[in-house]
Amino acid sequence: MPVGMGSVTRIQRLAALAALIVLAAGCGTRSAGPARPPAPATPGAARASAATFTLLATGDVLPHNEIIQRSGGDAHGHGHDFRAMFAGVKPVVSGADLAICHMETIYGRDGGPFTGYPSFKSPPEVAAALKDAGYDSCSTASNHTLDDGADGVRRTLGAMDAVGLRHAGSARSAAESGRPALLRAGPAKVAQLSYTYGTNGIPLPGKAPWTVNLIDAKKIIADARAARRAGADVVVVSVHWGTEWQPEPDEQQRTVARTLTASRTAGRPDIDLILGTHAHVPQAYEKVNGTWVVYGMGDQLAGRMFNHSDQPDGRGNESSMARFTFAGPSAPGGRWTVRKAEFLPQLTDISDGFRVVNLNAALARQPGRADYLRARDAIRTIVLSRGAARNGLIMSK
């Protein structure tokens, strides 16, 4: 056989062998079958898994004189800065899709004078600090809303408008009073409503009774239904109520909560969440008629609080942050439901410049700090005192 022909044959054999190896490898890959696309979810399940948002709420912002002094400011009442006081909770607040605070006091004129208890006029720079911390809206109906009359309300809402902070509970006009605060939270539209038990005996302005909303169950339900008609997927009611210094919800709180949570339109609850403030101390969370009620979150930012004695009552600087994860309905027109309910213990640390502390996060860094441990455990005991753990409420970081 000629040499040239044998060489070609060997080359052909090697080529054929290589082709067989490639073919075998390919057959081995195909034997597993092509990758299967994931099974398509049902349309309702897809919406429910994708349509979620987190709502975080906190208690009373109540700047006493010592907090105002700590915030700086020059001799002319300018330059106050409260941002450092909220820095410790900024990661949690700004991390929520929607964050709601409670601004208990009204703001004074630019340059002051600014005052604390008993008739509050806070520096308007508080609004900028709240916005910086990540808040989207604040409830403003409280027993101190009329501390400086209608002028105080106008200044307060104007300062919030200037920094892009929404508000509910007080108003500068009848038209404004009649509109709910409609807020965007991820894929959902949330309505915030706000009401107070009273105004420390100060009468509502005769020609402007709409300046602040008072608690009236029939009106609250009517407002909630109007908010739903305006497009709200979720209706949140902030209420300033309860008995000061009492961790147990009083009769008004329990009665109003039952009435509001029982109200339904076409089988759907008119109100999806109730957030309470005013008592100065943490109060319980409870599921009432299938709806979460936070009876009282406590004071988020306050000075040294005194409960009819000459000694500060440490409970007045303890509070909780409420965080609820809502999931969209599986069918159009259904209710957005709470998929996850959490609370985060919180403290105004009066020994550290009145800084607001996320206690569990702080304890992760200082696990043996006795005052933080005591405050966290006290808050947890009260928050869970009406059986909320059985309905899934958990303490979070």
Protein backbone atom coordinates (compact mmCIF):
# COMPACT_ATOMS: atom_id res chain seq x y z
CA MET A 1 0.00 0.00 0.00
CA PRO A 2 1.47 3.30 -0.90
CA VAL A 3 2.63 5.38 2.03
CA GLY A 4 0.48 8.35 1.09
CA MET A 5 -2.71 6.33 1.02
CA GLY A 6 -1.99 4.79 4.46
CA SER A 7 -1.46 8.23 5.97
CA VAL A 8 -4.77 9.44 4.65
CA THR A 9 -6.52 6.40 6.04
CA ARG A 10 -5.05 6.96 9.52
CA ILE A 11 -6.10 10.59 9.39
CA GLN A 12 -9.59 9.60 8.35
CA ARG A 13 -9.76 7.03 11.17
CA LEU A 14 -8.63 9.64 13.74
CA ALA A 15 -11.15 12.12 12.41
CA ALA A 16 -13.89 9.54 12.57
CA LEU A 17 -12.91 8.61 16.13
CA ALA A 18 -12.95 12.25 17.18
CA ALA A 19 -16.38 12.67 15.65
CA LEU A 20 -17.65 9.64 17.56
CA ILE A 21 -16.29 11.05 20.84
CA VAL A 22 -17.97 14.39 20.22
CA LEU A 23 -21.17 12.63 19.22
CA ALA A 24 -21.09 10.45 22.34
CA ALA A 25 -20.52 13.47 24.55
CA GLY A 26 -23.40 15.23 22.88
CA CYS A 27 -25.63 12.19 23.31
CA GLY A 28 -24.70 12.09 26.97
CA THR A 29 -25.80 15.71 27.36
CA ARG A 30 -29.05 15.19 25.54
CA SER A 31 -29.88 12.10 27.55
CA ALA A 32 -30.78 14.37 30.48
CA GLY A 33 -33.26 16.11 28.24
CA PRO A 34 -33.52 19.83 27.54
CA ALA A 35 -33.90 22.19 30.51
CA ARG A 36 -37.56 22.64 31.32
CA PRO A 37 -38.94 26.10 31.89
CA PRO A 38 -40.51 26.56 35.33
CA ALA A 39 -44.17 25.70 35.45
CA PRO A 40 -46.20 28.85 34.99
CA ALA A 41 -47.84 30.01 38.21
CA THR A 42 -51.49 30.77 38.27
CA PRO A 43 -52.19 34.47 37.60
CA GLY A 44 -53.50 35.02 41.13
CA ALA A 45 -50.49 33.39 42.75
CA ALA A 46 -48.13 35.45 40.60
CA ARG A 47 -49.81 38.67 41.67
CA ALA A 48 -49.80 37.67 45.32
CA SER A 49 -46.09 36.80 45.31
CA ALA A 50 -45.06 39.95 43.47
CA ALA A 51 -47.44 42.49 45.05
CA THR A 52 -46.05 43.11 48.53
CA PHE A 53 -44.89 46.10 50.54
CA THR A 54 -43.66 46.88 54.03
CA LEU A 55 -45.19 49.58 56.21
CA LEU A 56 -43.32 50.85 59.25
CA ALA A 57 -44.86 53.11 61.90
CA THR A 58 -43.48 54.79 65.02
CA GLY A 59 -44.83 56.72 67.99
CA ASP A 60 -44.99 60.27 69.27
CA VAL A 61 -42.33 62.83 68.38
CA LEU A 62 -42.53 65.14 71.39
CA PRO A 63 -39.63 67.63 71.58
CA HIS A 64 -39.34 68.92 75.13
CA ASN A 65 -37.19 71.94 76.00
CA GLU A 66 -34.08 69.85 76.61
CA ILE A 67 -34.38 68.23 73.19
CA ILE A 68 -34.78 71.63 71.55
CA GLN A 69 -31.69 72.86 73.38
CA ARG A 70 -29.73 69.76 72.40
CA SER A 71 -30.57 70.34 68.71
CA GLY A 72 -28.38 73.45 68.66
CA GLY A 73 -29.49 76.66 67.02
CA ASP A 74 -28.13 80.14 67.35
CA ALA A 75 -29.28 83.02 69.51
CA HIS A 76 -31.84 83.92 66.87
CA GLY A 77 -33.50 80.50 66.90
CA HIS A 78 -32.02 79.26 63.63
CA GLY A 79 -29.88 76.26 62.77
CA HIS A 80 -31.58 73.55 64.84
CA ASP A 81 -30.65 70.05 63.67
CA PHE A 82 -32.40 66.91 64.93
CA ARG A 83 -30.95 64.46 62.40
CA ALA A 84 -28.46 62.87 64.81
CA MET A 85 -31.32 61.94 67.13
CA PHE A 86 -32.93 59.77 64.45
CA ALA A 87 -29.72 58.38 62.94
CA GLY A 88 -29.92 55.14 64.93
CA VAL A 89 -33.26 54.16 63.40
CA LYS A 90 -32.68 55.61 59.93
CA PRO A 91 -31.70 52.23 58.39
CA VAL A 92 -34.96 50.63 59.54
CA VAL A 93 -37.15 53.62 58.67
CA SER A 94 -35.65 54.23 55.24
CA GLY A 95 -35.70 50.50 54.50
CA ALA A 96 -39.51 50.34 54.54
CA ASP A 97 -41.59 50.90 51.43
CA LEU A 98 -43.75 53.28 53.48
CA ALA A 99 -42.79 54.87 56.81
CA ILE A 100 -45.27 56.76 59.00
CA CYS A 101 -44.45 58.87 62.06
CA HIS A 102 -46.60 60.77 64.55
CA MET A 103 -45.79 64.49 64.91
CA GLU A 104 -47.52 65.31 68.19
CA THR A 105 -46.53 68.96 68.42
CA ILE A 106 -46.89 71.93 66.14
CA TYR A 107 -44.06 74.10 64.82
CA GLY A 108 -43.30 77.65 65.91
CA ARG A 109 -42.36 80.58 63.71
CA ASP A 110 -38.96 80.67 62.06
CA GLY A 111 -36.57 81.87 64.72
CA GLY A 112 -38.92 80.97 67.57
CA PRO A 113 -39.67 81.29 70.33
CA PHE A 114 -39.76 77.52 70.75
CA THR A 115 -41.27 75.88 73.81
CA GLY A 116 -41.77 72.46 75.32
CA TYR A 117 -44.31 71.30 77.89
CA PRO A 118 -47.07 72.24 78.50
CA SER A 119 -47.74 74.23 75.32
CA PHE A 120 -45.40 73.01 72.59
CA LYS A 121 -43.93 74.97 69.72
CA SER A 122 -41.18 72.94 68.06
CA PRO A 123 -38.55 74.16 65.60
CA PRO A 124 -39.68 73.50 62.02
CA GLU A 125 -36.34 71.76 61.39
CA VAL A 126 -37.90 68.66 62.99
CA ALA A 127 -39.68 68.07 59.67
CA ALA A 128 -36.38 67.99 57.76
CA ALA A 129 -34.95 65.46 60.24
CA LEU A 130 -37.98 63.19 59.87
CA LYS A 131 -37.70 63.33 56.10
CA ASP A 132 -33.98 62.64 56.28
CA ALA A 133 -34.65 59.57 58.43
CA GLY A 134 -36.85 58.19 55.69
CA TYR A 135 -40.38 59.02 56.77
CA ASP A 136 -42.96 59.50 54.04
CA SER A 137 -45.88 60.83 56.09
CA CYS A 138 -46.87 61.82 59.62
CA SER A 139 -50.13 61.82 61.52
CA THR A 140 -50.73 65.25 63.05
CA ALA A 141 -53.97 64.94 65.04
CA SER A 142 -53.13 65.11 68.75
CA ASN A 143 -54.07 66.83 71.98
CA HIS A 144 -51.38 69.43 71.16
CA THR A 145 -52.51 70.23 67.61
CA LEU A 146 -54.15 73.48 68.70
CA ASP A 147 -51.39 74.64 71.08
CA ASP A 148 -50.91 77.70 68.85
CA GLY A 149 -54.29 77.72 67.14
CA ALA A 150 -54.86 77.55 63.41
CA ASP A 151 -51.62 79.48 62.79
CA GLY A 152 -49.63 76.67 64.36
CA VAL A 153 -51.35 74.13 62.13
CA ARG A 154 -50.61 76.18 59.01
CA ARG A 155 -46.94 76.54 59.92
CA THR A 156 -46.59 72.84 60.70
CA LEU A 157 -48.16 71.58 57.51
CA GLY A 158 -46.28 74.19 55.48
CA ALA A 159 -42.95 73.03 56.91
CA MET A 160 -43.83 69.43 56.08
CA ASP A 161 -44.84 70.37 52.56
CA ALA A 162 -41.53 72.19 52.10
CA VAL A 163 -39.51 69.00 52.72
CA GLY A 164 -41.87 66.62 50.92
CA LEU A 165 -43.35 65.03 54.04
CA ARG A 166 -47.01 64.10 53.68
CA HIS A 167 -49.48 64.52 56.56
CA ALA A 168 -52.94 63.59 57.80
CA GLY A 169 -55.10 64.64 60.76
CA SER A 170 -55.04 68.44 60.64
CA ALA A 171 -55.83 70.82 57.81
CA ARG A 172 -55.64 74.39 56.54
CA SER A 173 -58.93 74.27 54.65
CA ALA A 174 -62.13 72.28 54.49
CA ALA A 175 -61.06 70.88 51.13
CA GLU A 176 -57.75 69.67 52.55
CA SER A 177 -59.54 68.12 55.52
CA GLY A 178 -61.80 66.16 53.19
CA ARG A 179 -58.94 64.54 51.27
CA PRO A 180 -57.15 61.47 52.62
CA ALA A 181 -53.40 61.33 52.34
CA LEU A 182 -52.92 58.86 49.47
CA LEU A 183 -49.44 57.38 49.59
CA ARG A 184 -47.59 55.06 47.25
CA ALA A 185 -46.14 51.91 48.84
CA GLY A 186 -44.52 49.70 46.25
CA PRO A 187 -47.36 48.45 44.03
CA ALA A 188 -50.09 49.64 46.40
CA LYS A 189 -51.89 52.88 47.15
CA VAL A 190 -52.27 53.48 50.89
CA ALA A 191 -54.63 55.97 52.53
CA GLN A 192 -53.62 57.44 55.88
CA LEU A 193 -56.27 58.92 58.17
CA SER A 194 -55.63 60.51 61.58
CA TYR A 195 -57.79 61.47 64.61
CA THR A 196 -57.40 62.56 68.25
CA TYR A 197 -59.47 62.11 71.40
CA GLY A 198 -59.29 65.86 72.14
CA THR A 199 -57.22 69.04 72.20
CA ASN A 200 -56.54 69.68 75.90
CA GLY A 201 -59.73 71.68 76.28
CA ILE A 202 -58.88 74.13 73.49
CA PRO A 203 -62.06 74.53 71.41
CA LEU A 204 -62.01 73.93 67.68
CA PRO A 205 -61.91 77.19 65.72
CA GLY A 206 -65.51 78.29 65.27
CA LYS A 207 -65.21 78.98 61.56
CA ALA A 208 -62.80 76.11 60.95
CA PRO A 209 -63.94 73.01 62.87
CA TRP A 210 -62.09 70.92 60.30
CA THR A 211 -58.69 72.14 61.58
CA VAL A 212 -58.15 68.86 63.44
CA ASN A 213 -59.98 65.54 63.26
CA LEU A 214 -61.60 64.25 66.44
CA ILE A 215 -62.34 60.58 67.10
CA ASP A 216 -65.83 59.70 65.93
CA ALA A 217 -66.29 56.11 64.82
CA LYS A 218 -69.00 56.94 62.27
CA LYS A 219 -66.88 59.68 60.70
CA ILE A 220 -63.77 57.48 60.63
CA ILE A 221 -65.68 54.72 58.84
CA ALA A 222 -67.17 57.20 56.38
CA ASP A 223 -63.70 58.63 55.70
CA ALA A 224 -62.26 55.14 55.24
CA ARG A 225 -64.94 54.27 52.70
CA ALA A 226 -64.32 57.52 50.86
CA ALA A 227 -60.60 56.71 50.76
CA ARG A 228 -61.39 53.31 49.31
CA ARG A 229 -63.52 54.92 46.62
CA ALA A 230 -60.62 57.26 45.88
CA GLY A 231 -58.51 54.24 44.99
CA ALA A 232 -56.88 53.14 48.26
CA ASP A 233 -55.83 49.50 48.34
CA VAL A 234 -55.02 49.74 52.05
CA VAL A 235 -56.58 52.10 54.63
CA VAL A 236 -54.51 52.93 57.72
CA VAL A 237 -56.06 54.82 60.65
CA SER A 238 -53.78 56.66 63.10
CA VAL A 239 -55.49 57.42 66.42
CA HIS A 240 -54.27 59.54 69.32
CA TRP A 241 -56.08 57.94 72.27
CA GLY A 242 -55.80 56.04 75.53
CA THR A 243 -54.92 56.87 79.14
CA GLU A 244 -51.50 58.37 79.74
CA TRP A 245 -48.98 56.11 81.49
CA GLN A 246 -51.27 53.07 81.33
CA PRO A 247 -49.90 50.11 79.35
CA GLU A 248 -53.34 48.50 79.17
CA PRO A 249 -55.71 49.85 76.49
CA ASP A 250 -58.67 51.62 78.06
CA GLU A 251 -62.36 51.17 77.34
CA GLN A 252 -62.45 53.82 74.61
CA GLN A 253 -59.57 52.19 72.77
CA ARG A 254 -61.08 48.71 72.94
CA THR A 255 -64.56 49.89 71.97
CA VAL A 256 -63.43 52.04 69.05
CA ALA A 257 -61.08 49.29 67.84
CA ARG A 258 -63.90 46.73 67.82
CA THR A 259 -66.23 49.09 65.99
CA LEU A 260 -63.73 50.11 63.34
CA THR A 261 -62.43 46.62 62.63
CA ALA A 262 -65.96 45.21 62.37
CA SER A 263 -66.97 47.69 59.66
CA ARG A 264 -67.20 46.13 56.19
CA THR A 265 -68.34 47.03 52.70
CA ALA A 266 -69.35 44.15 50.42
CA GLY A 267 -67.65 41.78 52.84
CA ARG A 268 -64.32 43.61 52.75
CA PRO A 269 -63.04 45.40 55.88
CA ASP A 270 -63.12 49.17 55.55
CA ILE A 271 -59.95 49.58 57.64
CA ASP A 272 -56.80 47.48 57.28
CA LEU A 273 -54.59 48.70 60.14
CA ILE A 274 -54.95 50.86 63.28
CA LEU A 275 -51.93 52.67 64.75
CA GLY A 276 -52.21 54.21 68.22
CA THR A 277 -50.27 56.96 69.99
CA HIS A 278 -50.54 59.23 73.07
CA ALA A 279 -50.12 57.07 76.21
CA HIS A 280 -46.35 57.85 76.59
CA VAL A 281 -45.70 54.15 77.27
CA PRO A 282 -45.73 51.11 75.00
CA GLN A 283 -49.06 49.32 74.71
CA ALA A 284 -50.10 45.98 73.30
CA TYR A 285 -50.65 44.85 69.72
CA GLU A 286 -53.77 42.77 69.10
CA LYS A 287 -55.64 41.28 66.18
CA VAL A 288 -59.27 42.39 66.44
CA ASN A 289 -61.88 41.05 64.01
CA GLY A 290 -59.02 39.93 61.79
CA THR A 291 -57.32 43.36 61.69
CA TRP A 292 -54.13 44.36 63.49
CA VAL A 293 -54.52 47.07 66.13
CA VAL A 294 -51.48 48.72 67.71
CA TYR A 295 -53.00 50.31 70.80
CA GLY A 296 -49.95 52.45 71.48
CA MET A 297 -46.37 52.63 70.24
CA GLY A 298 -45.11 54.95 72.98
CA ASP A 299 -43.01 58.10 72.56
CA GLN A 300 -40.35 57.75 69.90
CA LEU A 301 -38.55 60.97 70.81
CA ALA A 302 -39.18 62.71 74.13
CA GLY A 303 -37.22 64.32 76.93
CA ARG A 304 -37.06 63.10 80.52
CA MET A 305 -40.65 62.04 81.16
CA PHE A 306 -42.18 62.48 84.60
CA ASN A 307 -45.24 60.56 85.77
CA HIS A 308 -46.55 62.76 88.62
CA SER A 309 -43.33 62.51 90.60
CA ASP A 310 -39.96 64.20 90.83
CA GLN A 311 -38.23 61.24 89.21
CA PRO A 312 -38.14 60.51 85.48
CA ASP A 313 -40.28 57.55 84.47
CA GLY A 314 -38.11 55.48 82.13
CA ARG A 315 -41.16 54.01 80.43
CA GLY A 316 -41.76 57.37 78.81
CA ASN A 317 -38.67 56.86 76.67
CA GLU A 318 -39.54 53.31 75.62
CA SER A 319 -41.51 52.54 72.48
CA SER A 320 -41.97 50.09 69.67
CA MET A 321 -41.71 50.34 65.91
CA ALA A 322 -44.49 48.45 64.12
CA ARG A 323 -43.66 46.80 60.81
CA PHE A 324 -46.22 45.00 58.66
CA THR A 325 -45.63 43.28 55.33
CA PHE A 326 -48.77 43.40 53.20
CA ALA A 327 -49.47 40.99 50.35
CA GLY A 328 -51.76 41.71 47.43
CA PRO A 329 -55.04 39.89 46.84
CA SER A 330 -55.26 36.76 44.73
CA ALA A 331 -58.23 38.20 42.86
CA PRO A 332 -59.13 41.75 41.81
CA GLY A 333 -61.04 43.63 44.47
CA GLY A 334 -59.82 41.42 47.29
CA ARG A 335 -58.20 42.53 50.51
CA TRP A 336 -54.51 43.20 50.94
CA THR A 337 -53.56 41.08 53.94
CA VAL A 338 -50.73 41.18 56.46
CA ARG A 339 -48.28 38.43 55.54
CA LYS A 340 -45.83 39.26 58.33
CA ALA A 341 -46.30 41.24 61.57
CA GLU A 342 -43.27 42.50 63.50
CA PHE A 343 -42.31 44.90 66.24
CA LEU A 344 -38.92 46.40 66.99
CA PRO A 345 -38.14 47.67 70.53
CA GLN A 346 -36.94 51.26 70.62
CA LEU A 347 -35.58 53.70 73.21
CA THR A 348 -34.79 57.40 73.45
CA ASP A 349 -31.42 57.23 75.19
CA ILE A 350 -31.45 60.30 77.44
CA SER A 351 -27.86 59.58 78.47
CA ASP A 352 -26.61 59.87 74.88
CA GLY A 353 -27.93 63.10 73.45
CA PHE A 354 -31.55 61.88 73.24
CA ARG A 355 -30.65 59.56 70.41
CA VAL A 356 -33.36 57.14 69.34
CA VAL A 357 -32.03 53.58 69.59
CA ASN A 358 -33.10 50.44 67.75
CA LEU A 359 -32.58 48.23 70.79
CA ASN A 360 -32.01 44.84 69.20
CA ALA A 361 -29.54 46.28 66.71
CA ALA A 362 -27.74 48.05 69.56
CA LEU A 363 -27.70 44.89 71.68
CA ALA A 364 -26.12 42.99 68.82
CA ARG A 365 -23.15 45.33 69.25
CA GLN A 366 -23.33 45.54 73.07
CA PRO A 367 -24.98 42.27 74.16
CA GLY A 368 -24.44 42.81 77.87
CA ARG A 369 -25.73 46.36 78.23
CA ALA A 370 -28.10 46.11 81.18
CA ASP A 371 -30.29 49.19 80.60
CA TYR A 372 -30.93 48.22 76.99
CA LEU A 373 -31.76 44.64 77.98
CA ARG A 374 -34.20 45.80 80.65
CA ALA A 375 -35.94 48.19 78.26
CA ARG A 376 -36.17 45.61 75.47
CA ASP A 377 -37.65 42.97 77.76
CA ALA A 378 -40.16 45.42 79.26
CA ILE A 379 -41.33 46.52 75.80
CA ARG A 380 -41.65 42.93 74.59
CA THR A 381 -43.73 41.92 77.62
CA ILE A 382 -46.22 44.75 77.08
CA VAL A 383 -46.44 44.42 73.28
CA LEU A 384 -47.26 40.70 73.56
CA SER A 385 -49.51 41.03 76.63
CA ARG A 386 -52.78 40.51 74.71
CA GLY A 387 -51.79 37.35 72.88
CA ALA A 388 -50.41 38.83 69.69
CA ALA A 389 -47.74 36.11 69.45
CA ARG A 390 -50.48 33.55 68.87
CA ASN A 391 -51.48 35.51 65.76
CA GLY A 392 -47.94 35.59 64.42
CA LEU A 393 -46.45 38.83 65.80
CA ILE A 394 -42.69 38.49 66.22
CA MET A 395 -39.93 40.68 67.62
CA SER A 396 -37.46 41.65 64.92
CA LYS A 397 -34.17 43.51 64.53
